[in-house]
C-alpha atoms as a PDB file:
ATOM      1  CA  MET A   1      47.834  47.572 -25.689  1.00  0.00           C
ATOM      2  CA  ARG A   2      47.542  43.834 -26.338  1.00  0.00           C
ATOM      3  CA  ILE A   3      50.559  41.695 -27.145  1.00  0.00           C
ATOM      4  CA  PRO A   4      50.191  38.043 -28.135  1.00  0.00           C
ATOM      5  CA  TYR A   5      52.377  35.427 -26.448  1.00  0.00           C
ATOM      6  CA  GLU A   6      55.254  34.130 -28.520  1.00  0.00           C
ATOM      7  CA  ASP A   7      55.983  30.393 -28.361  1.00  0.00           C
ATOM      8  CA  ASP A   8      53.598  30.223 -25.367  1.00  0.00           C
ATOM      9  CA  LEU A   9      55.681  32.811 -23.467  1.00  0.00           C
ATOM     10  CA  PRO A  10      54.809  36.372 -22.387  1.00  0.00           C
ATOM     11  CA  LEU A  11      57.555  38.125 -24.372  1.00  0.00           C
ATOM     12  CA  VAL A  12      57.812  41.788 -25.347  1.00  0.00           C
ATOM     13  CA  LEU A  13      60.291  43.677 -27.478  1.00  0.00           C
ATOM     14  CA  ILE A  14      62.576  46.051 -25.572  1.00  0.00           C
ATOM     15  CA  ARG A  15      65.461  48.268 -26.683  1.00  0.00           C
ATOM     16  CA  VAL A  16      68.509  48.987 -24.552  1.00  0.00           C
ATOM     17  CA  VAL A  17      70.314  52.210 -25.460  1.00  0.00           C
ATOM     18  CA  GLY A  18      73.861  53.216 -24.545  1.00  0.00           C
ATOM     19  CA  SER A  19      76.449  55.694 -25.808  1.00  0.00           C
ATOM     20  CA  SER A  20      77.617  53.228 -28.506  1.00  0.00           C
ATOM     21  CA  GLY A  21      74.210  52.344 -29.951  1.00  0.00           C
ATOM     22  CA  GLU A  22      71.259  50.158 -29.081  1.00  0.00           C
ATOM     23  CA  LYS A  23      70.164  46.504 -29.082  1.00  0.00           C
ATOM     24  CA  GLU A  24      66.753  44.873 -29.184  1.00  0.00           C
ATOM     25  CA  PHE A  25      65.666  41.879 -27.149  1.00  0.00           C
ATOM     26  CA  LYS A  26      62.563  39.795 -26.707  1.00  0.00           C
ATOM     27  CA  ALA A  27      62.230  40.015 -22.940  1.00  0.00           C
ATOM     28  CA  HIS A  28      60.206  37.771 -20.653  1.00  0.00           C
ATOM     29  CA  LEU A  29      57.928  39.654 -18.249  1.00  0.00           C
ATOM     30  CA  ASP A  30      59.213  38.656 -14.817  1.00  0.00           C
ATOM     31  CA  PHE A  31      57.374  40.081 -11.805  1.00  0.00           C
ATOM     32  CA  ALA A  32      59.762  38.242  -9.471  1.00  0.00           C
ATOM     33  CA  ALA A  33      62.705  40.213 -10.890  1.00  0.00           C
ATOM     34  CA  SER A  34      63.273  43.621  -9.316  1.00  0.00           C
ATOM     35  CA  LYS A  35      65.652  44.646 -12.127  1.00  0.00           C
ATOM     36  CA  THR A  36      65.574  44.323 -15.897  1.00  0.00           C
ATOM     37  CA  LEU A  37      68.269  41.897 -17.047  1.00  0.00           C
ATOM     38  CA  VAL A  38      70.077  41.573 -20.393  1.00  0.00           C
ATOM     39  CA  PRO A  39      73.078  39.464 -21.511  1.00  0.00           C
ATOM     40  CA  SER A  40      76.465  40.434 -20.058  1.00  0.00           C
ATOM     41  CA  ASN A  41      78.042  41.410 -23.414  1.00  0.00           C
ATOM     42  CA  VAL A  42      75.549  44.288 -23.800  1.00  0.00           C
ATOM     43  CA  ALA A  43      77.387  46.433 -21.238  1.00  0.00           C
ATOM     44  CA  ASP A  44      80.575  46.466 -23.340  1.00  0.00           C
ATOM     45  CA  GLU A  45      78.834  46.621 -26.727  1.00  0.00           C
ATOM     46  CA  LEU A  46      76.772  49.667 -25.763  1.00  0.00           C
ATOM     47  CA  ASN A  47      79.407  51.245 -23.490  1.00  0.00           C
ATOM     48  CA  LEU A  48      77.082  51.348 -20.480  1.00  0.00           C
ATOM     49  CA  PRO A  49      78.417  53.016 -17.305  1.00  0.00           C
ATOM     50  CA  PHE A  50      79.123  50.529 -14.497  1.00  0.00           C
ATOM     51  CA  GLU A  51      77.287  51.415 -11.267  1.00  0.00           C
ATOM     52  CA  GLY A  52      78.337  48.629  -8.876  1.00  0.00           C
ATOM     53  CA  PHE A  53      76.926  45.301  -7.774  1.00  0.00           C
ATOM     54  CA  VAL A  54      73.585  44.285  -6.273  1.00  0.00           C
ATOM     55  CA  PRO A  55      72.940  41.049  -4.332  1.00  0.00           C
ATOM     56  CA  VAL A  56      70.209  38.977  -5.983  1.00  0.00           C
ATOM     57  CA  ALA A  57      68.496  35.933  -4.496  1.00  0.00           C
ATOM     58  CA  THR A  58      68.065  33.125  -7.039  1.00  0.00           C
ATOM     59  CA  GLY A  59      66.903  29.527  -6.850  1.00  0.00           C
ATOM     60  CA  GLY A  60      70.571  28.562  -6.533  1.00  0.00           C
ATOM     61  CA  GLY A  61      71.447  31.073  -3.801  1.00  0.00           C
ATOM     62  CA  THR A  62      72.451  34.729  -3.597  1.00  0.00           C
ATOM     63  CA  ILE A  63      74.767  36.145  -6.262  1.00  0.00           C
ATOM     64  CA  LEU A  64      76.203  39.589  -6.988  1.00  0.00           C
ATOM     65  CA  MET A  65      74.993  41.014 -10.292  1.00  0.00           C
ATOM     66  CA  PRO A  66      76.721  43.939 -11.990  1.00  0.00           C
ATOM     67  CA  LEU A  67      74.528  46.999 -12.541  1.00  0.00           C
ATOM     68  CA  PHE A  68      74.804  49.438 -15.436  1.00  0.00           C
ATOM     69  CA  LYS A  69      73.000  52.677 -16.217  1.00  0.00           C
ATOM     70  CA  ALA A  70      70.991  52.471 -19.443  1.00  0.00           C
ATOM     71  CA  LYS A  71      67.968  53.779 -21.239  1.00  0.00           C
ATOM     72  CA  VAL A  72      65.413  51.027 -21.815  1.00  0.00           C
ATOM     73  CA  ILE A  73      62.480  51.467 -24.163  1.00  0.00           C
ATOM     74  CA  ALA A  74      59.478  49.249 -23.470  1.00  0.00           C
ATOM     75  CA  PHE A  75      55.783  49.645 -24.305  1.00  0.00           C
ATOM     76  CA  ASP A  76      56.626  52.831 -26.284  1.00  0.00           C
ATOM     77  CA  LYS A  77      58.018  54.507 -23.133  1.00  0.00           C
ATOM     78  CA  SER A  78      61.600  55.383 -22.231  1.00  0.00           C
ATOM     79  CA  PHE A  79      63.121  54.614 -18.809  1.00  0.00           C
ATOM     80  CA  ASN A  80      66.544  55.659 -17.486  1.00  0.00           C
ATOM     81  CA  ILE A  81      67.282  52.844 -15.050  1.00  0.00           C
ATOM     82  CA  TYR A  82      69.986  50.591 -13.634  1.00  0.00           C
ATOM     83  CA  ILE A  83      69.919  47.222 -15.391  1.00  0.00           C
ATOM     84  CA  ALA A  84      71.622  43.947 -14.552  1.00  0.00           C
ATOM     85  CA  CYS A  85      73.910  42.452 -17.184  1.00  0.00           C
ATOM     86  CA  PHE A  86      74.120  38.705 -16.646  1.00  0.00           C
ATOM     87  CA  ASP A  87      73.852  35.629 -18.865  1.00  0.00           C
ATOM     88  CA  LEU A  88      70.901  33.302 -18.407  1.00  0.00           C
ATOM     89  CA  PRO A  89      71.581  29.570 -18.941  1.00  0.00           C
ATOM     90  CA  LYS A  90      72.093  28.486 -22.558  1.00  0.00           C
ATOM     91  CA  GLU A  91      69.140  26.121 -22.183  1.00  0.00           C
ATOM     92  CA  SER A  92      66.806  29.022 -21.409  1.00  0.00           C
ATOM     93  CA  PRO A  93      64.371  29.974 -24.200  1.00  0.00           C
ATOM     94  CA  ILE A  94      64.827  33.651 -23.246  1.00  0.00           C
ATOM     95  CA  GLN A  95      67.767  36.076 -23.232  1.00  0.00           C
ATOM     96  CA  ALA A  96      66.368  39.012 -21.258  1.00  0.00           C
ATOM     97  CA  LEU A  97      63.994  39.708 -18.367  1.00  0.00           C
ATOM     98  CA  LEU A  98      61.800  42.758 -18.016  1.00  0.00           C
ATOM     99  CA  GLY A  99      61.683  43.438 -14.280  1.00  0.00           C
ATOM    100  CA  ARG A 100      59.536  45.418 -11.879  1.00  0.00           C
ATOM    101  CA  ASP A 101      61.719  48.510 -12.382  1.00  0.00           C
ATOM    102  CA  ILE A 102      59.665  48.954 -15.556  1.00  0.00           C
ATOM    103  CA  LEU A 103      56.642  46.693 -15.030  1.00  0.00           C
ATOM    104  CA  ASP A 104      55.502  48.574 -11.902  1.00  0.00           C
ATOM    105  CA  ASN A 105      54.746  51.596 -14.115  1.00  0.00           C
ATOM    106  CA  PHE A 106      51.871  49.763 -15.793  1.00  0.00           C
ATOM    107  CA  GLU A 107      48.755  47.752 -15.108  1.00  0.00           C
ATOM    108  CA  ILE A 108      49.474  44.365 -16.685  1.00  0.00           C
ATOM    109  CA  CYS A 109      47.220  41.352 -17.075  1.00  0.00           C
ATOM    110  CA  PHE A 110      48.123  37.941 -18.451  1.00  0.00           C
ATOM    111  CA  ASP A 111      45.222  36.353 -20.315  1.00  0.00           C
ATOM    112  CA  GLY A 112      46.320  32.715 -20.360  1.00  0.00           C
ATOM    113  CA  ARG A 113      43.283  31.546 -22.287  1.00  0.00           C
ATOM    114  CA  LYS A 114      43.858  33.989 -25.134  1.00  0.00           C
ATOM    115  CA  LYS A 115      47.646  33.783 -24.749  1.00  0.00           C
ATOM    116  CA  GLU A 116      48.094  37.555 -24.637  1.00  0.00           C
ATOM    117  CA  ILE A 117      49.394  40.308 -22.393  1.00  0.00           C
ATOM    118  CA  ILE A 118      47.178  43.335 -21.730  1.00  0.00           C
ATOM    119  CA  ILE A 119      49.086  46.513 -20.787  1.00  0.00           C
ATOM    120  CA  GLU A 120      47.584  49.790 -19.573  1.00  0.00           C
ATOM    121  CA  GLU A 121      49.181  52.891 -18.093  1.00  0.00           C
END
């Protein structure tokens, strides 16, 4: 599967599913992120079960991020995982991060010259 960059960013469409529905996001592929991350309001909107907190090291220090159980659909595959619900800065061009909890299931190559992502199982 080949996905072109969007606005010079490696973004892919993901769906987060909970008991109250689902939401779509353009997520940035982030191999430094161990968990997939979506905005904090998603947990309430989709009625996701709270599973506790996880410490996360960021450029600004270590913070505790709330974890929620959700089904995430990415690359035409479904994953039942624990996601982080946390707001990225308003200045950020992205709203969601696709982390290694999903990315590690694929062979992924960034072709910077062609501005595309190549994904294989």
